[in-house]
Amino acid sequence: QVQLAESGGGSVQAGGSLRLSCEVSGVVFSSYCMGWFRQAPEKEREGVAVIFSDGRTKYADSVKGRFTISQDNAKNTMYLQMNSLKPEDTGMYYCAAGRNSNGEFRYWGQGTQVTVSS
């Protein structure tokens, strides 16, 4: 059974930093494409960052230069380091695993809330 568990969310002031973690079990972690998504109230879910099995990364334009996605294969854990946070970064953050050729992810965590105040 595949399980993803996010942690590390919280409330910070604009300009602050947070590091989200996503612990994964039930899959060969290093062979999976992993990603972070977020959803703000009354908005659609959007992709934030992706890390492919070969280590390549891809970011949404809105977070480039501020967020960094990484993974520790030994710990089966993916991270999202978020710096220079802005109020518009507020939302529920989800990690996902198992991206198919259509760009859809098969496995999802329950989410962790990030709130950035101005």
PDB file of N, CA and C in Angstrom:
ATOM      1  N   GLN A   1       0.850  -1.184   0.000  1.00  0.00           N
ATOM      2  CA  GLN A   1       0.000   0.000   0.000  1.00  0.00           C
ATOM      3  C   GLN A   1       0.893   1.244   0.000  1.00  0.00           C
ATOM      4  N   VAL A   2       0.633   2.127  -0.963  1.00  0.00           N
ATOM      5  CA  VAL A   2       1.432   3.341  -1.085  1.00  0.00           C
ATOM      6  C   VAL A   2       0.865   4.404  -0.159  1.00  0.00           C
ATOM      7  N   GLN A   3       1.742   5.022   0.624  1.00  0.00           N
ATOM      8  CA  GLN A   3       1.317   6.096   1.517  1.00  0.00           C
ATOM      9  C   GLN A   3       2.280   7.263   1.431  1.00  0.00           C
ATOM     10  N   LEU A   4       1.712   8.460   1.408  1.00  0.00           N
ATOM     11  CA  LEU A   4       2.496   9.687   1.405  1.00  0.00           C
ATOM     12  C   LEU A   4       2.038  10.536   2.586  1.00  0.00           C
ATOM     13  N   ALA A   5       2.984  11.053   3.347  1.00  0.00           N
ATOM     14  CA  ALA A   5       2.639  11.842   4.527  1.00  0.00           C
ATOM     15  C   ALA A   5       3.436  13.132   4.540  1.00  0.00           C
ATOM     16  N   GLU A   6       2.726  14.254   4.398  1.00  0.00           N
ATOM     17  CA  GLU A   6       3.382  15.564   4.419  1.00  0.00           C
ATOM     18  C   GLU A   6       3.514  16.078   5.847  1.00  0.00           C
ATOM     19  N   SER A   7       4.513  16.910   6.035  1.00  0.00           N
ATOM     20  CA  SER A   7       4.690  17.602   7.320  1.00  0.00           C
ATOM     21  C   SER A   7       5.483  18.869   7.069  1.00  0.00           C
ATOM     22  N   GLY A   8       5.502  19.744   8.064  1.00  0.00           N
ATOM     23  CA  GLY A   8       6.328  20.940   7.966  1.00  0.00           C
ATOM     24  C   GLY A   8       5.580  22.226   7.672  1.00  0.00           C
ATOM     25  N   GLY A   9       4.282  22.116   7.442  1.00  0.00           N
ATOM     26  CA  GLY A   9       3.518  23.339   7.198  1.00  0.00           C
ATOM     27  C   GLY A   9       3.407  24.188   8.453  1.00  0.00           C
ATOM     28  N   GLY A  10       2.897  25.393   8.288  1.00  0.00           N
ATOM     29  CA  GLY A  10       2.732  26.279   9.434  1.00  0.00           C
ATOM     30  C   GLY A  10       2.411  27.684   8.989  1.00  0.00           C
ATOM     31  N   SER A  11       2.510  28.610   9.930  1.00  0.00           N
ATOM     32  CA  SER A  11       2.231  30.013   9.655  1.00  0.00           C
ATOM     33  C   SER A  11       3.513  30.822   9.790  1.00  0.00           C
ATOM     34  N   VAL A  12       3.799  31.625   8.778  1.00  0.00           N
ATOM     35  CA  VAL A  12       4.989  32.471   8.796  1.00  0.00           C
ATOM     36  C   VAL A  12       4.635  33.837   8.244  1.00  0.00           C
ATOM     37  N   GLN A  13       5.487  34.778   8.507  1.00  0.00           N
ATOM     38  CA  GLN A  13       5.319  36.105   7.925  1.00  0.00           C
ATOM     39  C   GLN A  13       5.985  36.143   6.555  1.00  0.00           C
ATOM     40  N   ALA A  14       5.535  37.063   5.749  1.00  0.00           N
ATOM     41  CA  ALA A  14       6.120  37.238   4.419  1.00  0.00           C
ATOM     42  C   ALA A  14       7.628  37.436   4.538  1.00  0.00           C
ATOM     43  N   GLY A  15       8.344  36.778   3.639  1.00  0.00           N
ATOM     44  CA  GLY A  15       9.802  36.820   3.677  1.00  0.00           C
ATOM     45  C   GLY A  15      10.420  35.671   4.431  1.00  0.00           C
ATOM     46  N   GLY A  16       9.596  34.927   5.147  1.00  0.00           N
ATOM     47  CA  GLY A  16      10.085  33.806   5.932  1.00  0.00           C
ATOM     48  C   GLY A  16      10.276  32.545   5.109  1.00  0.00           C
ATOM     49  N   SER A  17      10.666  31.483   5.801  1.00  0.00           N
ATOM     50  CA  SER A  17      10.950  30.207   5.142  1.00  0.00           C
ATOM     51  C   SER A  17      10.261  29.053   5.860  1.00  0.00           C
ATOM     52  N   LEU A  18       9.966  28.028   5.102  1.00  0.00           N
ATOM     53  CA  LEU A  18       9.470  26.759   5.632  1.00  0.00           C
ATOM     54  C   LEU A  18      10.063  25.638   4.810  1.00  0.00           C
ATOM     55  N   ARG A  19      10.201  24.459   5.417  1.00  0.00           N
ATOM     56  CA  ARG A  19      10.589  23.283   4.660  1.00  0.00           C
ATOM     57  C   ARG A  19       9.540  22.205   4.864  1.00  0.00           C
ATOM     58  N   LEU A  20       8.939  21.814   3.769  1.00  0.00           N
ATOM     59  CA  LEU A  20       7.960  20.739   3.794  1.00  0.00           C
ATOM     60  C   LEU A  20       8.656  19.407   3.542  1.00  0.00           C
ATOM     61  N   SER A  21       8.147  18.367   4.166  1.00  0.00           N
ATOM     62  CA  SER A  21       8.650  17.016   3.961  1.00  0.00           C
ATOM     63  C   SER A  21       7.513  16.108   3.519  1.00  0.00           C
ATOM     64  N   CYS A  22       7.854  15.123   2.723  1.00  0.00           N
ATOM     65  CA  CYS A  22       6.883  14.122   2.290  1.00  0.00           C
ATOM     66  C   CYS A  22       7.537  12.757   2.418  1.00  0.00           C
ATOM     67  N   GLU A  23       7.083  12.005   3.397  1.00  0.00           N
ATOM     68  CA  GLU A  23       7.623  10.665   3.619  1.00  0.00           C
ATOM     69  C   GLU A  23       6.783   9.666   2.836  1.00  0.00           C
ATOM     70  N   VAL A  24       7.455   8.822   2.075  1.00  0.00           N
ATOM     71  CA  VAL A  24       6.771   7.902   1.170  1.00  0.00           C
ATOM     72  C   VAL A  24       7.048   6.457   1.579  1.00  0.00           C
ATOM     73  N   SER A  25       6.022   5.626   1.547  1.00  0.00           N
ATOM     74  CA  SER A  25       6.197   4.208   1.817  1.00  0.00           C
ATOM     75  C   SER A  25       5.407   3.402   0.796  1.00  0.00           C
ATOM     76  N   GLY A  26       5.848   2.175   0.550  1.00  0.00           N
ATOM     77  CA  GLY A  26       5.114   1.281  -0.327  1.00  0.00           C
ATOM     78  C   GLY A  26       5.521   1.320  -1.779  1.00  0.00           C
ATOM     79  N   VAL A  27       6.519   2.133  -2.129  1.00  0.00           N
ATOM     80  CA  VAL A  27       7.002   2.191  -3.510  1.00  0.00           C
ATOM     81  C   VAL A  27       8.516   2.240  -3.493  1.00  0.00           C
ATOM     82  N   VAL A  28       9.097   1.910  -4.659  1.00  0.00           N
ATOM     83  CA  VAL A  28      10.535   2.091  -4.821  1.00  0.00           C
ATOM     84  C   VAL A  28      10.745   3.571  -5.092  1.00  0.00           C
ATOM     85  N   PHE A  29      11.013   4.285  -4.047  1.00  0.00           N
ATOM     86  CA  PHE A  29      10.994   5.746  -4.062  1.00  0.00           C
ATOM     87  C   PHE A  29      11.848   6.337  -5.175  1.00  0.00           C
ATOM     88  N   SER A  30      13.037   5.847  -5.342  1.00  0.00           N
ATOM     89  CA  SER A  30      13.983   6.464  -6.269  1.00  0.00           C
ATOM     90  C   SER A  30      13.566   6.328  -7.729  1.00  0.00           C
ATOM     91  N   SER A  31      12.646   5.435  -8.041  1.00  0.00           N
ATOM     92  CA  SER A  31      12.247   5.234  -9.421  1.00  0.00           C
ATOM     93  C   SER A  31      10.994   6.022  -9.792  1.00  0.00           C
ATOM     94  N   TYR A  32      10.460   6.786  -8.864  1.00  0.00           N
ATOM     95  CA  TYR A  32       9.219   7.501  -9.094  1.00  0.00           C
ATOM     96  C   TYR A  32       9.454   8.984  -9.340  1.00  0.00           C
ATOM     97  N   CYS A  33       8.647   9.532 -10.218  1.00  0.00           N
ATOM     98  CA  CYS A  33       8.570  10.979 -10.361  1.00  0.00           C
ATOM     99  C   CYS A  33       7.704  11.498  -9.221  1.00  0.00           C
ATOM    100  N   MET A  34       8.182  12.533  -8.545  1.00  0.00           N
ATOM    101  CA  MET A  34       7.482  13.081  -7.382  1.00  0.00           C
ATOM    102  C   MET A  34       7.185  14.553  -7.620  1.00  0.00           C
ATOM    103  N   GLY A  35       6.166  15.043  -6.937  1.00  0.00           N
ATOM    104  CA  GLY A  35       5.840  16.447  -7.124  1.00  0.00           C
ATOM    105  C   GLY A  35       5.160  17.071  -5.926  1.00  0.00           C
ATOM    106  N   TRP A  36       5.174  18.380  -5.915  1.00  0.00           N
ATOM    107  CA  TRP A  36       4.445  19.178  -4.925  1.00  0.00           C
ATOM    108  C   TRP A  36       3.391  20.007  -5.646  1.00  0.00           C
ATOM    109  N   PHE A  37       2.226  20.056  -5.048  1.00  0.00           N
ATOM    110  CA  PHE A  37       1.119  20.839  -5.567  1.00  0.00           C
ATOM    111  C   PHE A  37       0.564  21.690  -4.431  1.00  0.00           C
ATOM    112  N   ARG A  38      -0.215  22.699  -4.784  1.00  0.00           N
ATOM    113  CA  ARG A  38      -0.866  23.500  -3.752  1.00  0.00           C
ATOM    114  C   ARG A  38      -2.235  23.949  -4.239  1.00  0.00           C
ATOM    115  N   GLN A  39      -3.070  24.223  -3.261  1.00  0.00           N
ATOM    116  CA  GLN A  39      -4.412  24.715  -3.581  1.00  0.00           C
ATOM    117  C   GLN A  39      -4.787  25.792  -2.580  1.00  0.00           C
ATOM    118  N   ALA A  40      -5.028  26.980  -3.100  1.00  0.00           N
ATOM    119  CA  ALA A  40      -5.486  28.093  -2.276  1.00  0.00           C
ATOM    120  C   ALA A  40      -7.010  28.054  -2.195  1.00  0.00           C
ATOM    121  N   PRO A  41      -7.592  28.688  -1.183  1.00  0.00           N
ATOM    122  CA  PRO A  41      -9.043  28.702  -1.064  1.00  0.00           C
ATOM    123  C   PRO A  41      -9.708  29.250  -2.323  1.00  0.00           C
ATOM    124  N   GLU A  42     -10.695  28.532  -2.807  1.00  0.00           N
ATOM    125  CA  GLU A  42     -11.484  28.930  -3.970  1.00  0.00           C
ATOM    126  C   GLU A  42     -10.663  28.998  -5.254  1.00  0.00           C
ATOM    127  N   LYS A  43      -9.537  28.324  -5.274  1.00  0.00           N
ATOM    128  CA  LYS A  43      -8.725  28.263  -6.484  1.00  0.00           C
ATOM    129  C   LYS A  43      -8.449  26.819  -6.845  1.00  0.00           C
ATOM    130  N   GLU A  44      -8.094  26.597  -8.084  1.00  0.00           N
ATOM    131  CA  GLU A  44      -7.778  25.242  -8.527  1.00  0.00           C
ATOM    132  C   GLU A  44      -6.388  24.840  -8.035  1.00  0.00           C
ATOM    133  N   ARG A  45      -6.216  23.537  -7.896  1.00  0.00           N
ATOM    134  CA  ARG A  45      -4.911  23.036  -7.518  1.00  0.00           C
ATOM    135  C   ARG A  45      -3.903  23.333  -8.626  1.00  0.00           C
ATOM    136  N   GLU A  46      -2.686  23.688  -8.241  1.00  0.00           N
ATOM    137  CA  GLU A  46      -1.655  24.000  -9.223  1.00  0.00           C
ATOM    138  C   GLU A  46      -0.359  23.277  -8.868  1.00  0.00           C
ATOM    139  N   GLY A  47       0.381  22.956  -9.891  1.00  0.00           N
ATOM    140  CA  GLY A  47       1.678  22.327  -9.683  1.00  0.00           C
ATOM    141  C   GLY A  47       2.693  23.338  -9.215  1.00  0.00           C
ATOM    142  N   VAL A  48       3.515  22.947  -8.276  1.00  0.00           N
ATOM    143  CA  VAL A  48       4.547  23.821  -7.727  1.00  0.00           C
ATOM    144  C   VAL A  48       5.930  23.389  -8.214  1.00  0.00           C
ATOM    145  N   ALA A  49       6.236  22.128  -8.051  1.00  0.00           N
ATOM    146  CA  ALA A  49       7.554  21.627  -8.436  1.00  0.00           C
ATOM    147  C   ALA A  49       7.483  20.131  -8.659  1.00  0.00           C
ATOM    148  N   VAL A  50       8.344  19.655  -9.545  1.00  0.00           N
ATOM    149  CA  VAL A  50       8.427  18.238  -9.858  1.00  0.00           C
ATOM    150  C   VAL A  50       9.888  17.823  -9.840  1.00  0.00           C
ATOM    151  N   ILE A  51      10.143  16.612  -9.359  1.00  0.00           N
ATOM    152  CA  ILE A  51      11.483  16.040  -9.457  1.00  0.00           C
ATOM    153  C   ILE A  51      11.347  14.678 -10.119  1.00  0.00           C
ATOM    154  N   PHE A  52      12.059  14.515 -11.220  1.00  0.00           N
ATOM    155  CA  PHE A  52      11.981  13.287 -11.992  1.00  0.00           C
ATOM    156  C   PHE A  52      12.957  12.260 -11.421  1.00  0.00           C
ATOM    157  N   SER A  53      12.780  11.015 -11.842  1.00  0.00           N
ATOM    158  CA  SER A  53      13.599   9.934 -11.292  1.00  0.00           C
ATOM    159  C   SER A  53      15.076  10.099 -11.633  1.00  0.00           C
ATOM    160  N   ASP A  54      15.375  10.879 -12.685  1.00  0.00           N
ATOM    161  CA  ASP A  54      16.783  11.112 -13.028  1.00  0.00           C
ATOM    162  C   ASP A  54      17.362  12.349 -12.349  1.00  0.00           C
ATOM    163  N   GLY A  55      16.558  12.956 -11.481  1.00  0.00           N
ATOM    164  CA  GLY A  55      17.040  14.103 -10.710  1.00  0.00           C
ATOM    165  C   GLY A  55      16.703  15.459 -11.297  1.00  0.00           C
ATOM    166  N   ARG A  56      16.202  15.467 -12.540  1.00  0.00           N
ATOM    167  CA  ARG A  56      15.810  16.753 -13.122  1.00  0.00           C
ATOM    168  C   ARG A  56      14.653  17.339 -12.323  1.00  0.00           C
ATOM    169  N   THR A  57      14.628  18.670 -12.280  1.00  0.00           N
ATOM    170  CA  THR A  57      13.569  19.368 -11.561  1.00  0.00           C
ATOM    171  C   THR A  57      12.884  20.377 -12.474  1.00  0.00           C
ATOM    172  N   LYS A  58      11.662  20.697 -12.109  1.00  0.00           N
ATOM    173  CA  LYS A  58      10.880  21.674 -12.868  1.00  0.00           C
ATOM    174  C   LYS A  58      10.030  22.442 -11.877  1.00  0.00           C
ATOM    175  N   TYR A  59       9.918  23.759 -12.093  1.00  0.00           N
ATOM    176  CA  TYR A  59       9.204  24.618 -11.145  1.00  0.00           C
ATOM    177  C   TYR A  59       8.159  25.473 -11.857  1.00  0.00           C
ATOM    178  N   ALA A  60       7.128  25.806 -11.126  1.00  0.00           N
ATOM    179  CA  ALA A  60       6.187  26.809 -11.611  1.00  0.00           C
ATOM    180  C   ALA A  60       6.911  28.152 -11.644  1.00  0.00           C
ATOM    181  N   ASP A  61       6.565  28.986 -12.596  1.00  0.00           N
ATOM    182  CA  ASP A  61       7.219  30.290 -12.731  1.00  0.00           C
ATOM    183  C   ASP A  61       7.092  31.108 -11.446  1.00  0.00           C
ATOM    184  N   SER A  62       5.986  30.950 -10.760  1.00  0.00           N
ATOM    185  CA  SER A  62       5.718  31.764  -9.573  1.00  0.00           C
ATOM    186  C   SER A  62       6.646  31.448  -8.402  1.00  0.00           C
ATOM    187  N   VAL A  63       7.322  30.295  -8.443  1.00  0.00           N
ATOM    188  CA  VAL A  63       8.180  29.913  -7.312  1.00  0.00           C
ATOM    189  C   VAL A  63       9.645  29.771  -7.695  1.00  0.00           C
ATOM    190  N   LYS A  64       9.953  29.939  -8.969  1.00  0.00           N
ATOM    191  CA  LYS A  64      11.349  29.793  -9.416  1.00  0.00           C
ATOM    192  C   LYS A  64      12.255  30.761  -8.665  1.00  0.00           C
ATOM    193  N   GLY A  65      13.377  30.228  -8.215  1.00  0.00           N
ATOM    194  CA  GLY A  65      14.327  31.058  -7.482  1.00  0.00           C
ATOM    195  C   GLY A  65      14.039  31.174  -6.001  1.00  0.00           C
ATOM    196  N   ARG A  66      12.862  30.715  -5.580  1.00  0.00           N
ATOM    197  CA  ARG A  66      12.493  30.792  -4.159  1.00  0.00           C
ATOM    198  C   ARG A  66      12.311  29.412  -3.534  1.00  0.00           C
ATOM    199  N   PHE A  67      11.808  28.470  -4.301  1.00  0.00           N
ATOM    200  CA  PHE A  67      11.538  27.125  -3.801  1.00  0.00           C
ATOM    201  C   PHE A  67      12.548  26.145  -4.391  1.00  0.00           C
ATOM    202  N   THR A  68      12.879  25.125  -3.616  1.00  0.00           N
ATOM    203  CA  THR A  68      13.766  24.070  -4.086  1.00  0.00           C
ATOM    204  C   THR A  68      13.196  22.712  -3.704  1.00  0.00           C
ATOM    205  N   ILE A  69      13.031  21.860  -4.701  1.00  0.00           N
ATOM    206  CA  ILE A  69      12.558  20.497  -4.460  1.00  0.00           C
ATOM    207  C   ILE A  69      13.762  19.569  -4.420  1.00  0.00           C
ATOM    208  N   SER A  70      13.736  18.612  -3.511  1.00  0.00           N
ATOM    209  CA  SER A  70      14.833  17.658  -3.398  1.00  0.00           C
ATOM    210  C   SER A  70      14.303  16.360  -2.794  1.00  0.00           C
ATOM    211  N   GLN A  71      15.127  15.348  -2.808  1.00  0.00           N
ATOM    212  CA  GLN A  71      14.709  14.088  -2.207  1.00  0.00           C
ATOM    213  C   GLN A  71      15.912  13.376  -1.619  1.00  0.00           C
ATOM    214  N   ASP A  72      15.645  12.602  -0.602  1.00  0.00           N
ATOM    215  CA  ASP A  72      16.654  11.767   0.048  1.00  0.00           C
ATOM    216  C   ASP A  72      16.213  10.332  -0.118  1.00  0.00           C
ATOM    217  N   ASN A  73      16.833   9.623  -1.058  1.00  0.00           N
ATOM    218  CA  ASN A  73      16.405   8.260  -1.359  1.00  0.00           C
ATOM    219  C   ASN A  73      16.593   7.321  -0.161  1.00  0.00           C
ATOM    220  N   ALA A  74      17.608   7.570   0.624  1.00  0.00           N
ATOM    221  CA  ALA A  74      17.864   6.709   1.792  1.00  0.00           C
ATOM    222  C   ALA A  74      16.747   6.829   2.828  1.00  0.00           C
ATOM    223  N   LYS A  75      16.111   7.990   2.871  1.00  0.00           N
ATOM    224  CA  LYS A  75      15.039   8.220   3.840  1.00  0.00           C
ATOM    225  C   LYS A  75      13.650   8.128   3.216  1.00  0.00           C
ATOM    226  N   ASN A  76      13.580   7.840   1.904  1.00  0.00           N
ATOM    227  CA  ASN A  76      12.286   7.815   1.210  1.00  0.00           C
ATOM    228  C   ASN A  76      11.489   9.082   1.457  1.00  0.00           C
ATOM    229  N   THR A  77      12.169  10.195   1.420  1.00  0.00           N
ATOM    230  CA  THR A  77      11.542  11.470   1.750  1.00  0.00           C
ATOM    231  C   THR A  77      11.863  12.520   0.704  1.00  0.00           C
ATOM    232  N   MET A  78      10.845  13.273   0.346  1.00  0.00           N
ATOM    233  CA  MET A  78      10.991  14.398  -0.576  1.00  0.00           C
ATOM    234  C   MET A  78      10.794  15.687   0.220  1.00  0.00           C
ATOM    235  N   TYR A  79      11.449  16.738  -0.220  1.00  0.00           N
ATOM    236  CA  TYR A  79      11.387  18.003   0.495  1.00  0.00           C
ATOM    237  C   TYR A  79      11.005  19.148  -0.443  1.00  0.00           C
ATOM    238  N   LEU A  80      10.476  20.193   0.146  1.00  0.00           N
ATOM    239  CA  LEU A  80      10.263  21.446  -0.576  1.00  0.00           C
ATOM    240  C   LEU A  80      10.731  22.573   0.341  1.00  0.00           C
ATOM    241  N   GLN A  81      11.885  23.126   0.016  1.00  0.00           N
ATOM    242  CA  GLN A  81      12.393  24.265   0.765  1.00  0.00           C
ATOM    243  C   GLN A  81      11.788  25.526   0.164  1.00  0.00           C
ATOM    244  N   MET A  82      11.102  26.287   0.996  1.00  0.00           N
ATOM    245  CA  MET A  82      10.409  27.480   0.524  1.00  0.00           C
ATOM    246  C   MET A  82      10.988  28.706   1.217  1.00  0.00           C
ATOM    247  N   ASN A  83      11.592  29.563   0.436  1.00  0.00           N
ATOM    248  CA  ASN A  83      12.198  30.792   0.957  1.00  0.00           C
ATOM    249  C   ASN A  83      11.475  32.013   0.394  1.00  0.00           C
ATOM    250  N   SER A  84      11.702  33.138   1.014  1.00  0.00           N
ATOM    251  CA  SER A  84      11.092  34.401   0.558  1.00  0.00           C
ATOM    252  C   SER A  84       9.598  34.235   0.324  1.00  0.00           C
ATOM    253  N   LEU A  85       8.942  33.646   1.278  1.00  0.00           N
ATOM    254  CA  LEU A  85       7.516  33.348   1.123  1.00  0.00           C
ATOM    255  C   LEU A  85       6.679  34.615   0.998  1.00  0.00           C
ATOM    256  N   LYS A  86       5.631  34.493   0.199  1.00  0.00           N
ATOM    257  CA  LYS A  86       4.716  35.598  -0.063  1.00  0.00           C
ATOM    258  C   LYS A  86       3.307  35.194   0.368  1.00  0.00           C
ATOM    259  N   PRO A  87       2.451  36.161   0.660  1.00  0.00           N
ATOM    260  CA  PRO A  87       1.068  35.813   1.026  1.00  0.00           C
ATOM    261  C   PRO A  87       0.381  34.953  -0.029  1.00  0.00           C
ATOM    262  N   GLU A  88       0.708  35.155  -1.279  1.00  0.00           N
ATOM    263  CA  GLU A  88       0.088  34.357  -2.343  1.00  0.00           C
ATOM    264  C   GLU A  88       0.571  32.912  -2.373  1.00  0.00           C
ATOM    265  N   ASP A  89       1.547  32.569  -1.554  1.00  0.00           N
ATOM    266  CA  ASP A  89       1.964  31.174  -1.425  1.00  0.00           C
ATOM    267  C   ASP A  89       1.070  30.403  -0.449  1.00  0.00           C
ATOM    268  N   THR A  90       0.175  31.088   0.194  1.00  0.00           N
ATOM    269  CA  THR A  90      -0.736  30.451   1.152  1.00  0.00           C
ATOM    270  C   THR A  90      -1.599  29.396   0.474  1.00  0.00           C
ATOM    271  N   GLY A  91      -1.734  28.260   1.127  1.00  0.00           N
ATOM    272  CA  GLY A  91      -2.582  27.207   0.594  1.00  0.00           C
ATOM    273  C   GLY A  91      -2.278  25.872   1.243  1.00  0.00           C
ATOM    274  N   MET A  92      -3.022  24.871   0.817  1.00  0.00           N
ATOM    275  CA  MET A  92      -2.762  23.496   1.244  1.00  0.00           C
ATOM    276  C   MET A  92      -1.773  22.898   0.263  1.00  0.00           C
ATOM    277  N   TYR A  93      -0.699  22.364   0.794  1.00  0.00           N
ATOM    278  CA  TYR A  93       0.345  21.783  -0.036  1.00  0.00           C
ATOM    279  C   TYR A  93       0.271  20.263   0.008  1.00  0.00           C
ATOM    280  N   TYR A  94       0.299  19.661  -1.163  1.00  0.00           N
ATOM    281  CA  TYR A  94       0.194  18.212  -1.294  1.00  0.00           C
ATOM    282  C   TYR A  94       1.422  17.657  -2.002  1.00  0.00           C
ATOM    283  N   CYS A  95       1.868  16.498  -1.563  1.00  0.00           N
ATOM    284  CA  CYS A  95       2.886  15.804  -2.335  1.00  0.00           C
ATOM    285  C   CYS A  95       2.215  14.680  -3.112  1.00  0.00           C
ATOM    286  N   ALA A  96       2.847  14.315  -4.212  1.00  0.00           N
ATOM    287  CA  ALA A  96       2.289  13.312  -5.102  1.00  0.00           C
ATOM    288  C   ALA A  96       3.408  12.469  -5.682  1.00  0.00           C
ATOM    289  N   ALA A  97       3.049  11.247  -6.066  1.00  0.00           N
ATOM    290  CA  ALA A  97       4.033  10.322  -6.626  1.00  0.00           C
ATOM    291  C   ALA A  97       3.421   9.539  -7.768  1.00  0.00           C
ATOM    292  N   GLY A  98       4.296   9.033  -8.661  1.00  0.00           N
ATOM    293  CA  GLY A  98       3.808   8.180  -9.724  1.00  0.00           C
ATOM    294  C   GLY A  98       3.168   8.917 -10.870  1.00  0.00           C
ATOM    295  N   ARG A  99       3.947   9.758 -11.535  1.00  0.00           N
ATOM    296  CA  ARG A  99       3.440  10.548 -12.660  1.00  0.00           C
ATOM    297  C   ARG A  99       3.399   9.698 -13.928  1.00  0.00           C
ATOM    298  N   ASN A 100       2.255   9.730 -14.636  1.00  0.00           N
ATOM    299  CA  ASN A 100       2.159   8.964 -15.882  1.00  0.00           C
ATOM    300  C   ASN A 100       2.517   9.848 -17.083  1.00  0.00           C
ATOM    301  N   SER A 101       2.403   9.278 -18.268  1.00  0.00           N
ATOM    302  CA  SER A 101       2.792  10.000 -19.480  1.00  0.00           C
ATOM    303  C   SER A 101       1.890  11.194 -19.774  1.00  0.00           C
ATOM    304  N   ASN A 102       0.714  11.219 -19.158  1.00  0.00           N
ATOM    305  CA  ASN A 102      -0.196  12.356 -19.319  1.00  0.00           C
ATOM    306  C   ASN A 102       0.060  13.446 -18.298  1.00  0.00           C
ATOM    307  N   GLY A 103       1.045  13.221 -17.412  1.00  0.00           N
ATOM    308  CA  GLY A 103       1.338  14.213 -16.393  1.00  0.00           C
ATOM    309  C   GLY A 103       0.495  14.094 -15.151  1.00  0.00           C
ATOM    310  N   GLU A 104      -0.296  13.048 -15.063  1.00  0.00           N
ATOM    311  CA  GLU A 104      -1.164  12.854 -13.904  1.00  0.00           C
ATOM    312  C   GLU A 104      -0.435  12.013 -12.855  1.00  0.00           C
ATOM    313  N   PHE A 105      -0.655  12.362 -11.585  1.00  0.00           N
ATOM    314  CA  PHE A 105      -0.035  11.633 -10.490  1.00  0.00           C
ATOM    315  C   PHE A 105      -1.033  10.657  -9.890  1.00  0.00           C
ATOM    316  N   ARG A 106      -0.502   9.483  -9.538  1.00  0.00           N
ATOM    317  CA  ARG A 106      -1.386   8.421  -9.068  1.00  0.00           C
ATOM    318  C   ARG A 106      -1.607   8.458  -7.562  1.00  0.00           C
ATOM    319  N   TYR A 107      -0.577   8.804  -6.813  1.00  0.00           N
ATOM    320  CA  TYR A 107      -0.657   8.739  -5.350  1.00  0.00           C
ATOM    321  C   TYR A 107      -0.525  10.142  -4.753  1.00  0.00           C
ATOM    322  N   TRP A 108      -1.331  10.382  -3.711  1.00  0.00           N
ATOM    323  CA  TRP A 108      -1.382  11.712  -3.109  1.00  0.00           C
ATOM    324  C   TRP A 108      -1.362  11.625  -1.589  1.00  0.00           C
ATOM    325  N   GLY A 109      -0.752  12.645  -0.975  1.00  0.00           N
ATOM    326  CA  GLY A 109      -0.821  12.770   0.472  1.00  0.00           C
ATOM    327  C   GLY A 109      -2.055  13.550   0.882  1.00  0.00           C
ATOM    328  N   GLN A 110      -2.214  13.733   2.184  1.00  0.00           N
ATOM    329  CA  GLN A 110      -3.380  14.409   2.738  1.00  0.00           C
ATOM    330  C   GLN A 110      -3.222  15.920   2.772  1.00  0.00           C
ATOM    331  N   GLY A 111      -2.005  16.401   2.650  1.00  0.00           N
ATOM    332  CA  GLY A 111      -1.783  17.841   2.603  1.00  0.00           C
ATOM    333  C   GLY A 111      -1.308  18.422   3.919  1.00  0.00           C
ATOM    334  N   THR A 112      -0.606  19.543   3.802  1.00  0.00           N
ATOM    335  CA  THR A 112      -0.177  20.304   4.973  1.00  0.00           C
ATOM    336  C   THR A 112      -0.396  21.787   4.670  1.00  0.00           C
ATOM    337  N   GLN A 113      -0.930  22.515   5.641  1.00  0.00           N
ATOM    338  CA  GLN A 113      -1.329  23.899   5.412  1.00  0.00           C
ATOM    339  C   GLN A 113      -0.144  24.851   5.580  1.00  0.00           C
ATOM    340  N   VAL A 114      -0.025  25.757   4.629  1.00  0.00           N
ATOM    341  CA  VAL A 114       0.972  26.831   4.698  1.00  0.00           C
ATOM    342  C   VAL A 114       0.220  28.155   4.663  1.00  0.00           C
ATOM    343  N   THR A 115       0.477  28.994   5.652  1.00  0.00           N
ATOM    344  CA  THR A 115      -0.163  30.306   5.711  1.00  0.00           C
ATOM    345  C   THR A 115       0.913  31.371   5.840  1.00  0.00           C
ATOM    346  N   VAL A 116       0.908  32.318   4.907  1.00  0.00           N
ATOM    347  CA  VAL A 116       1.892  33.396   4.907  1.00  0.00           C
ATOM    348  C   VAL A 116       1.161  34.709   5.119  1.00  0.00           C
ATOM    349  N   SER A 117       1.504  35.409   6.166  1.00  0.00           N
ATOM    350  CA  SER A 117       0.847  36.676   6.477  1.00  0.00           C
ATOM    351  C   SER A 117       1.725  37.844   6.050  1.00  0.00           C
ATOM    352  N   SER A 118       1.056  38.935   5.703  1.00  0.00           N
ATOM    353  CA  SER A 118       1.789  40.117   5.222  1.00  0.00           C
ATOM    354  C   SER A 118       2.169  41.037   6.365  1.00  0.00           C
TER     355      SER A 118
END
